[in-house]
Amino acid sequence: MTTFFDRYDHCCLALSHYLSEEGIKVDPSSWPRDHWYHQVHSDMKEIASLVPDSNSFILVDDNHWLSGDTILGRPRILFTERNGEYWGPPADDKAAILELERDRQMGASFIVFTAPSFWWLEYYSGCRNHLNNCYPCELNNDRMVVYKITNA
């Protein structure tokens, strides 16, 4: 099965050959790691390494990923959502915490903030404080912040 990444790699190779024929030196090996889709795929694999198979998790990404209902076998819950559709940011800290705890009660085991949504952690500082006081942060880097929100 040909994937998006196979097609992308093929296009990079073809473009590098063309540029080489035009006298332009390029290093196509650097392109995939700089490509947004590859970064998102790497982030998805990171999520899969933290979230056990079949466990659901909350994804806070302002719907930038336009992901399906699952990511590498893990059911994804958009933050916030109504009837499975992205609903936008909560009105305030109280609404954010209520949504978080509702999703947790429904079985979400992690909450993942992606880089485009890091502003949530500043704007909803009460929710961030709630997370920091109640749940362990499993990952905090320049691409994602992940909290484990289960009691176990």
N, C-alpha and C. Protein backbone atom coordinates (compact mmCIF):
# COMPACT_ATOMS: atom_id res chain seq x y z
N MET A 1 0.84 -1.18 0.00
CA MET A 1 0.00 0.00 0.00
C MET A 1 0.89 1.25 0.00
N THR A 2 0.64 2.13 -0.93
CA THR A 2 1.37 3.37 -1.02
C THR A 2 0.75 4.38 -0.06
N THR A 3 1.57 4.95 0.77
CA THR A 3 1.08 5.93 1.73
C THR A 3 1.45 7.33 1.28
N PHE A 4 0.89 8.31 1.98
CA PHE A 4 1.25 9.69 1.72
C PHE A 4 2.76 9.87 1.83
N PHE A 5 3.36 9.24 2.83
CA PHE A 5 4.79 9.42 3.07
C PHE A 5 5.62 8.81 1.95
N ASP A 6 5.17 7.68 1.38
CA ASP A 6 5.87 7.09 0.23
C ASP A 6 5.82 8.04 -0.96
N ARG A 7 4.65 8.62 -1.21
CA ARG A 7 4.51 9.56 -2.33
C ARG A 7 5.37 10.80 -2.10
N TYR A 8 5.38 11.28 -0.86
CA TYR A 8 6.19 12.45 -0.52
C TYR A 8 7.68 12.17 -0.77
N ASP A 9 8.15 11.01 -0.29
CA ASP A 9 9.55 10.64 -0.49
C ASP A 9 9.89 10.54 -1.98
N HIS A 10 8.96 9.97 -2.76
CA HIS A 10 9.18 9.85 -4.21
C HIS A 10 9.26 11.25 -4.84
N CYS A 11 8.39 12.16 -4.44
CA CYS A 11 8.42 13.53 -4.97
C CYS A 11 9.72 14.24 -4.59
N CYS A 12 10.20 14.03 -3.36
CA CYS A 12 11.46 14.64 -2.93
C CYS A 12 12.62 14.13 -3.79
N LEU A 13 12.63 12.84 -4.05
CA LEU A 13 13.69 12.25 -4.86
C LEU A 13 13.64 12.81 -6.28
N ALA A 14 12.46 12.88 -6.87
CA ALA A 14 12.32 13.40 -8.23
C ALA A 14 12.74 14.87 -8.29
N LEU A 15 12.33 15.65 -7.31
CA LEU A 15 12.69 17.07 -7.29
C LEU A 15 14.20 17.24 -7.11
N SER A 16 14.81 16.43 -6.25
CA SER A 16 16.26 16.56 -6.06
C SER A 16 17.02 16.21 -7.34
N HIS A 17 16.55 15.21 -8.09
CA HIS A 17 17.19 14.88 -9.37
C HIS A 17 17.05 16.04 -10.36
N TYR A 18 15.87 16.63 -10.43
CA TYR A 18 15.64 17.76 -11.32
C TYR A 18 16.54 18.94 -10.94
N LEU A 19 16.59 19.27 -9.66
CA LEU A 19 17.41 20.39 -9.23
C LEU A 19 18.89 20.13 -9.49
N SER A 20 19.31 18.90 -9.29
CA SER A 20 20.70 18.53 -9.56
C SER A 20 21.04 18.74 -11.04
N GLU A 21 20.11 18.34 -11.92
CA GLU A 21 20.31 18.55 -13.36
C GLU A 21 20.38 20.04 -13.71
N GLU A 22 19.75 20.88 -12.90
CA GLU A 22 19.76 22.33 -13.10
C GLU A 22 20.97 22.98 -12.43
N GLY A 23 21.82 22.17 -11.79
CA GLY A 23 23.02 22.69 -11.15
C GLY A 23 22.79 23.19 -9.73
N ILE A 24 21.67 22.84 -9.14
CA ILE A 24 21.36 23.29 -7.78
C ILE A 24 21.58 22.12 -6.83
N LYS A 25 22.49 22.34 -5.87
CA LYS A 25 22.78 21.28 -4.91
C LYS A 25 21.77 21.35 -3.76
N VAL A 26 21.17 20.21 -3.45
CA VAL A 26 20.21 20.12 -2.35
C VAL A 26 20.46 18.84 -1.56
N ASP A 27 19.97 18.84 -0.34
CA ASP A 27 20.05 17.64 0.50
C ASP A 27 18.63 17.20 0.83
N PRO A 28 18.04 16.33 0.01
CA PRO A 28 16.65 15.93 0.26
C PRO A 28 16.45 15.15 1.56
N SER A 29 17.52 14.64 2.14
CA SER A 29 17.36 13.91 3.40
C SER A 29 16.89 14.82 4.53
N SER A 30 17.10 16.13 4.38
CA SER A 30 16.65 17.06 5.43
C SER A 30 15.19 17.44 5.25
N TRP A 31 14.63 17.23 4.08
CA TRP A 31 13.26 17.67 3.83
C TRP A 31 12.22 16.95 4.68
N PRO A 32 12.22 15.64 4.77
CA PRO A 32 11.14 14.99 5.52
C PRO A 32 11.04 15.43 6.98
N ARG A 33 12.16 15.60 7.66
CA ARG A 33 12.07 15.95 9.07
C ARG A 33 11.61 17.38 9.27
N ASP A 34 11.69 18.20 8.24
CA ASP A 34 11.22 19.58 8.33
C ASP A 34 9.78 19.73 7.83
N HIS A 35 9.23 18.70 7.28
CA HIS A 35 7.91 18.77 6.68
C HIS A 35 6.84 18.63 7.75
N TRP A 36 5.81 19.46 7.71
CA TRP A 36 4.76 19.48 8.73
C TRP A 36 4.10 18.11 8.89
N TYR A 37 3.80 17.44 7.80
CA TYR A 37 3.13 16.13 7.89
C TYR A 37 4.01 15.12 8.61
N HIS A 38 5.31 15.17 8.36
CA HIS A 38 6.21 14.25 9.05
C HIS A 38 6.28 14.57 10.54
N GLN A 39 6.25 15.85 10.88
CA GLN A 39 6.27 16.23 12.29
C GLN A 39 5.00 15.75 12.99
N VAL A 40 3.86 15.91 12.34
CA VAL A 40 2.60 15.45 12.92
C VAL A 40 2.62 13.93 13.06
N HIS A 41 3.11 13.24 12.05
CA HIS A 41 3.20 11.77 12.13
C HIS A 41 4.11 11.35 13.28
N SER A 42 5.22 12.05 13.45
CA SER A 42 6.12 11.77 14.56
C SER A 42 5.41 12.03 15.90
N ASP A 43 4.64 13.10 15.97
CA ASP A 43 3.87 13.40 17.19
C ASP A 43 2.85 12.30 17.46
N MET A 44 2.20 11.82 16.41
CA MET A 44 1.23 10.73 16.57
C MET A 44 1.90 9.47 17.12
N LYS A 45 3.09 9.17 16.62
CA LYS A 45 3.82 8.00 17.13
C LYS A 45 4.21 8.21 18.59
N GLU A 46 4.54 9.44 18.96
CA GLU A 46 4.86 9.76 20.35
C GLU A 46 3.63 9.54 21.24
N ILE A 47 2.47 9.98 20.76
CA ILE A 47 1.22 9.76 21.50
C ILE A 47 1.00 8.25 21.67
N ALA A 48 1.19 7.49 20.60
CA ALA A 48 0.98 6.05 20.66
C ALA A 48 1.95 5.38 21.64
N SER A 49 3.13 5.96 21.83
CA SER A 49 4.08 5.37 22.78
C SER A 49 3.67 5.65 24.24
N LEU A 50 2.86 6.70 24.45
CA LEU A 50 2.42 7.06 25.80
C LEU A 50 1.05 6.50 26.15
N VAL A 51 0.14 6.54 25.21
CA VAL A 51 -1.24 6.13 25.44
C VAL A 51 -1.37 4.65 25.09
N PRO A 52 -1.76 3.82 26.04
CA PRO A 52 -1.91 2.39 25.74
C PRO A 52 -2.92 2.15 24.62
N ASP A 53 -2.68 1.09 23.86
CA ASP A 53 -3.55 0.73 22.75
C ASP A 53 -5.00 0.66 23.20
N SER A 54 -5.88 1.22 22.42
CA SER A 54 -7.33 1.25 22.64
C SER A 54 -7.78 2.22 23.74
N ASN A 55 -6.85 2.85 24.47
CA ASN A 55 -7.24 3.88 25.44
C ASN A 55 -7.57 5.17 24.71
N SER A 56 -8.61 5.85 25.16
CA SER A 56 -8.95 7.12 24.53
C SER A 56 -8.16 8.25 25.18
N PHE A 57 -7.97 9.31 24.41
CA PHE A 57 -7.25 10.48 24.91
C PHE A 57 -7.87 11.74 24.33
N ILE A 58 -7.67 12.83 25.03
CA ILE A 58 -8.16 14.13 24.60
C ILE A 58 -7.06 14.80 23.79
N LEU A 59 -7.41 15.30 22.62
CA LEU A 59 -6.45 16.01 21.77
C LEU A 59 -6.83 17.49 21.72
N VAL A 60 -5.94 18.33 22.21
CA VAL A 60 -6.13 19.78 22.16
C VAL A 60 -5.19 20.29 21.07
N ASP A 61 -5.76 20.52 19.89
CA ASP A 61 -4.93 20.96 18.76
C ASP A 61 -5.64 22.02 17.91
N ASP A 62 -6.72 22.61 18.46
CA ASP A 62 -7.52 23.57 17.70
C ASP A 62 -7.97 22.99 16.36
N ASN A 63 -8.05 21.67 16.32
CA ASN A 63 -8.46 20.90 15.14
C ASN A 63 -7.52 21.12 13.95
N HIS A 64 -6.27 21.45 14.20
CA HIS A 64 -5.28 21.65 13.12
C HIS A 64 -4.95 20.35 12.42
N TRP A 65 -4.93 19.25 13.17
CA TRP A 65 -4.56 17.97 12.55
C TRP A 65 -5.67 17.41 11.68
N LEU A 66 -6.90 17.84 11.90
CA LEU A 66 -8.05 17.29 11.17
C LEU A 66 -8.01 15.76 11.19
N SER A 67 -7.69 15.24 12.37
CA SER A 67 -7.51 13.79 12.52
C SER A 67 -8.85 13.07 12.48
N GLY A 68 -8.78 11.78 12.22
CA GLY A 68 -9.97 10.95 12.27
C GLY A 68 -10.34 10.65 13.71
N ASP A 69 -11.25 9.71 13.86
CA ASP A 69 -11.72 9.35 15.20
C ASP A 69 -10.69 8.62 16.03
N THR A 70 -9.69 8.03 15.37
CA THR A 70 -8.62 7.34 16.09
C THR A 70 -7.27 7.80 15.55
N ILE A 71 -6.27 7.71 16.40
CA ILE A 71 -4.90 7.98 15.99
C ILE A 71 -4.08 6.77 16.39
N LEU A 72 -3.62 6.05 15.39
CA LEU A 72 -2.83 4.83 15.59
C LEU A 72 -3.49 3.90 16.61
N GLY A 73 -4.79 3.68 16.44
CA GLY A 73 -5.53 2.75 17.27
C GLY A 73 -6.04 3.30 18.58
N ARG A 74 -5.77 4.57 18.85
CA ARG A 74 -6.22 5.19 20.09
C ARG A 74 -7.38 6.14 19.80
N PRO A 75 -8.57 5.90 20.39
CA PRO A 75 -9.69 6.81 20.15
C PRO A 75 -9.36 8.23 20.60
N ARG A 76 -9.60 9.18 19.72
CA ARG A 76 -9.29 10.59 19.95
C ARG A 76 -10.56 11.35 20.31
N ILE A 77 -10.48 12.16 21.35
CA ILE A 77 -11.58 13.04 21.76
C ILE A 77 -11.09 14.47 21.52
N LEU A 78 -11.81 15.22 20.70
CA LEU A 78 -11.45 16.61 20.47
C LEU A 78 -11.82 17.44 21.70
N PHE A 79 -11.02 18.46 21.97
CA PHE A 79 -11.27 19.33 23.12
C PHE A 79 -11.53 20.73 22.61
N THR A 80 -12.66 21.23 22.68
CA THR A 80 -13.91 20.65 23.15
C THR A 80 -14.68 20.09 21.95
N GLU A 81 -15.64 19.21 22.25
CA GLU A 81 -16.43 18.63 21.17
C GLU A 81 -17.89 18.51 21.58
N ARG A 82 -18.72 18.46 20.59
CA ARG A 82 -20.14 18.15 20.76
C ARG A 82 -20.51 17.20 19.63
N ASN A 83 -21.04 16.05 20.01
CA ASN A 83 -21.44 15.03 19.03
C ASN A 83 -20.30 14.67 18.07
N GLY A 84 -19.08 14.61 18.61
CA GLY A 84 -17.93 14.20 17.81
C GLY A 84 -17.33 15.28 16.92
N GLU A 85 -17.88 16.49 16.96
CA GLU A 85 -17.39 17.60 16.14
C GLU A 85 -16.64 18.59 17.02
N TYR A 86 -15.58 19.19 16.46
CA TYR A 86 -14.84 20.21 17.19
C TYR A 86 -15.75 21.38 17.50
N TRP A 87 -15.76 21.83 18.75
CA TRP A 87 -16.69 22.85 19.21
C TRP A 87 -16.00 24.16 19.53
N GLY A 88 -14.69 24.20 19.46
CA GLY A 88 -13.96 25.43 19.74
C GLY A 88 -13.55 25.53 21.20
N PRO A 89 -12.83 26.57 21.53
CA PRO A 89 -12.34 26.75 22.91
C PRO A 89 -13.48 26.94 23.91
N PRO A 90 -13.26 26.50 25.14
CA PRO A 90 -14.27 26.72 26.18
C PRO A 90 -14.38 28.20 26.53
N ALA A 91 -15.48 28.56 27.17
CA ALA A 91 -15.73 29.96 27.52
C ALA A 91 -14.73 30.49 28.55
N ASP A 92 -14.36 29.63 29.50
CA ASP A 92 -13.48 30.08 30.58
C ASP A 92 -12.85 28.88 31.26
N ASP A 93 -12.06 29.13 32.30
CA ASP A 93 -11.39 28.05 33.03
C ASP A 93 -12.38 27.03 33.58
N LYS A 94 -13.46 27.52 34.16
CA LYS A 94 -14.45 26.61 34.74
C LYS A 94 -15.00 25.66 33.69
N ALA A 95 -15.34 26.19 32.52
CA ALA A 95 -15.86 25.35 31.44
C ALA A 95 -14.79 24.36 30.96
N ALA A 96 -13.54 24.80 30.89
CA ALA A 96 -12.45 23.92 30.45
C ALA A 96 -12.27 22.76 31.44
N ILE A 97 -12.29 23.07 32.73
CA ILE A 97 -12.11 22.02 33.74
C ILE A 97 -13.29 21.06 33.72
N LEU A 98 -14.51 21.58 33.60
CA LEU A 98 -15.69 20.72 33.53
C LEU A 98 -15.62 19.79 32.32
N GLU A 99 -15.20 20.32 31.19
CA GLU A 99 -15.06 19.50 29.97
C GLU A 99 -13.99 18.43 30.16
N LEU A 100 -12.85 18.83 30.71
CA LEU A 100 -11.77 17.89 30.98
C LEU A 100 -12.24 16.75 31.87
N GLU A 101 -12.90 17.10 32.98
CA GLU A 101 -13.34 16.09 33.93
C GLU A 101 -14.47 15.22 33.37
N ARG A 102 -15.31 15.80 32.54
CA ARG A 102 -16.36 15.01 31.87
C ARG A 102 -15.72 13.98 30.95
N ASP A 103 -14.75 14.43 30.15
CA ASP A 103 -14.07 13.50 29.25
C ASP A 103 -13.32 12.43 30.02
N ARG A 104 -12.72 12.80 31.14
CA ARG A 104 -12.00 11.83 31.97
C ARG A 104 -12.97 10.80 32.53
N GLN A 105 -14.12 11.27 33.01
CA GLN A 105 -15.14 10.34 33.53
C GLN A 105 -15.67 9.41 32.45
N MET A 106 -15.64 9.86 31.21
CA MET A 106 -16.09 9.04 30.08
C MET A 106 -15.00 8.08 29.60
N GLY A 107 -13.81 8.14 30.23
CA GLY A 107 -12.78 7.15 29.92
C GLY A 107 -11.49 7.68 29.33
N ALA A 108 -11.39 8.98 29.07
CA ALA A 108 -10.13 9.51 28.54
C ALA A 108 -9.02 9.31 29.56
N SER A 109 -7.87 8.83 29.09
CA SER A 109 -6.77 8.54 30.02
C SER A 109 -5.63 9.55 29.94
N PHE A 110 -5.59 10.35 28.90
CA PHE A 110 -4.55 11.36 28.72
C PHE A 110 -5.16 12.59 28.08
N ILE A 111 -4.51 13.73 28.26
CA ILE A 111 -4.83 14.93 27.50
C ILE A 111 -3.53 15.40 26.86
N VAL A 112 -3.60 15.67 25.56
CA VAL A 112 -2.43 16.03 24.76
C VAL A 112 -2.63 17.43 24.18
N PHE A 113 -1.72 18.34 24.51
CA PHE A 113 -1.70 19.67 23.92
C PHE A 113 -0.62 19.68 22.85
N THR A 114 -0.97 20.02 21.62
CA THR A 114 0.02 20.12 20.56
C THR A 114 0.53 21.55 20.48
N ALA A 115 1.65 21.74 19.82
CA ALA A 115 2.30 23.05 19.77
C ALA A 115 1.36 24.19 19.35
N PRO A 116 0.51 24.00 18.32
CA PRO A 116 -0.38 25.12 17.96
C PRO A 116 -1.37 25.49 19.06
N SER A 117 -1.55 24.62 20.04
CA SER A 117 -2.53 24.90 21.11
C SER A 117 -1.87 25.21 22.45
N PHE A 118 -0.57 25.45 22.47
CA PHE A 118 0.09 25.80 23.73
C PHE A 118 -0.50 27.05 24.37
N TRP A 119 -1.09 27.92 23.55
CA TRP A 119 -1.70 29.13 24.10
C TRP A 119 -2.78 28.79 25.12
N TRP A 120 -3.44 27.62 24.98
CA TRP A 120 -4.47 27.21 25.94
C TRP A 120 -3.90 27.16 27.35
N LEU A 121 -2.68 26.66 27.47
CA LEU A 121 -2.07 26.50 28.79
C LEU A 121 -1.81 27.84 29.47
N GLU A 122 -1.66 28.89 28.69
CA GLU A 122 -1.49 30.23 29.24
C GLU A 122 -2.86 30.89 29.47
N TYR A 123 -3.69 30.84 28.46
CA TYR A 123 -4.98 31.52 28.54
C TYR A 123 -5.87 30.89 29.60
N TYR A 124 -5.91 29.57 29.64
CA TYR A 124 -6.69 28.84 30.64
C TYR A 124 -5.77 28.41 31.78
N SER A 125 -5.21 29.39 32.46
CA SER A 125 -4.24 29.11 33.51
C SER A 125 -4.86 28.34 34.68
N GLY A 126 -6.15 28.56 34.94
CA GLY A 126 -6.82 27.80 35.99
C GLY A 126 -6.91 26.32 35.64
N CYS A 127 -7.17 26.04 34.38
CA CYS A 127 -7.20 24.64 33.92
C CYS A 127 -5.80 24.04 33.98
N ARG A 128 -4.79 24.82 33.56
CA ARG A 128 -3.40 24.35 33.65
C ARG A 128 -3.03 24.05 35.10
N ASN A 129 -3.41 24.94 36.02
CA ASN A 129 -3.13 24.70 37.44
C ASN A 129 -3.84 23.44 37.93
N HIS A 130 -5.08 23.24 37.49
CA HIS A 130 -5.83 22.03 37.84
C HIS A 130 -5.08 20.79 37.36
N LEU A 131 -4.62 20.82 36.11
CA LEU A 131 -3.86 19.69 35.57
C LEU A 131 -2.59 19.46 36.39
N ASN A 132 -1.85 20.53 36.63
CA ASN A 132 -0.58 20.40 37.38
C ASN A 132 -0.79 19.91 38.81
N ASN A 133 -1.90 20.28 39.43
CA ASN A 133 -2.16 19.89 40.81
C ASN A 133 -2.75 18.48 40.93
N CYS A 134 -3.41 18.01 39.90
CA CYS A 134 -4.15 16.75 40.00
C CYS A 134 -3.55 15.59 39.21
N TYR A 135 -2.75 15.87 38.18
CA TYR A 135 -2.32 14.82 37.27
C TYR A 135 -0.84 14.97 36.91
N PRO A 136 -0.15 13.85 36.70
CA PRO A 136 1.26 13.94 36.33
C PRO A 136 1.43 14.34 34.86
N CYS A 137 2.42 15.18 34.62
CA CYS A 137 2.80 15.54 33.26
C CYS A 137 3.75 14.46 32.76
N GLU A 138 3.36 13.75 31.71
CA GLU A 138 4.15 12.64 31.18
C GLU A 138 5.16 13.09 30.13
N LEU A 139 4.89 14.22 29.48
CA LEU A 139 5.77 14.71 28.41
C LEU A 139 5.60 16.22 28.31
N ASN A 140 6.72 16.92 28.18
CA ASN A 140 6.69 18.36 28.00
C ASN A 140 7.90 18.73 27.14
N ASN A 141 7.64 18.98 25.85
CA ASN A 141 8.71 19.38 24.96
C ASN A 141 8.21 20.48 24.03
N ASP A 142 8.97 20.80 23.00
CA ASP A 142 8.58 21.90 22.12
C ASP A 142 7.46 21.54 21.15
N ARG A 143 7.01 20.27 21.14
CA ARG A 143 5.96 19.82 20.23
C ARG A 143 4.66 19.46 20.95
N MET A 144 4.78 18.96 22.21
CA MET A 144 3.59 18.50 22.93
C MET A 144 3.77 18.59 24.44
N VAL A 145 2.62 18.75 25.11
CA VAL A 145 2.54 18.62 26.56
C VAL A 145 1.44 17.57 26.80
N VAL A 146 1.80 16.53 27.58
CA VAL A 146 0.88 15.41 27.78
C VAL A 146 0.72 15.14 29.28
N TYR A 147 -0.53 15.09 29.73
CA TYR A 147 -0.84 14.73 31.10
C TYR A 147 -1.57 13.39 31.12
N LYS A 148 -1.24 12.57 32.11
CA LYS A 148 -1.98 11.33 32.35
C LYS A 148 -3.09 11.68 33.33
N ILE A 149 -4.35 11.50 32.90
CA ILE A 149 -5.48 11.97 33.71
C ILE A 149 -6.26 10.83 34.33
N THR A 150 -5.69 9.64 34.36
CA THR A 150 -6.36 8.54 35.05
C THR A 150 -5.92 8.53 36.51
N ASN A 151 -6.74 7.94 37.34
CA ASN A 151 -6.42 7.85 38.77
C ASN A 151 -5.47 6.71 39.08
N ALA A 152 -5.31 5.78 38.15
CA ALA A 152 -4.47 4.61 38.41
C ALA A 152 -3.01 4.94 38.23
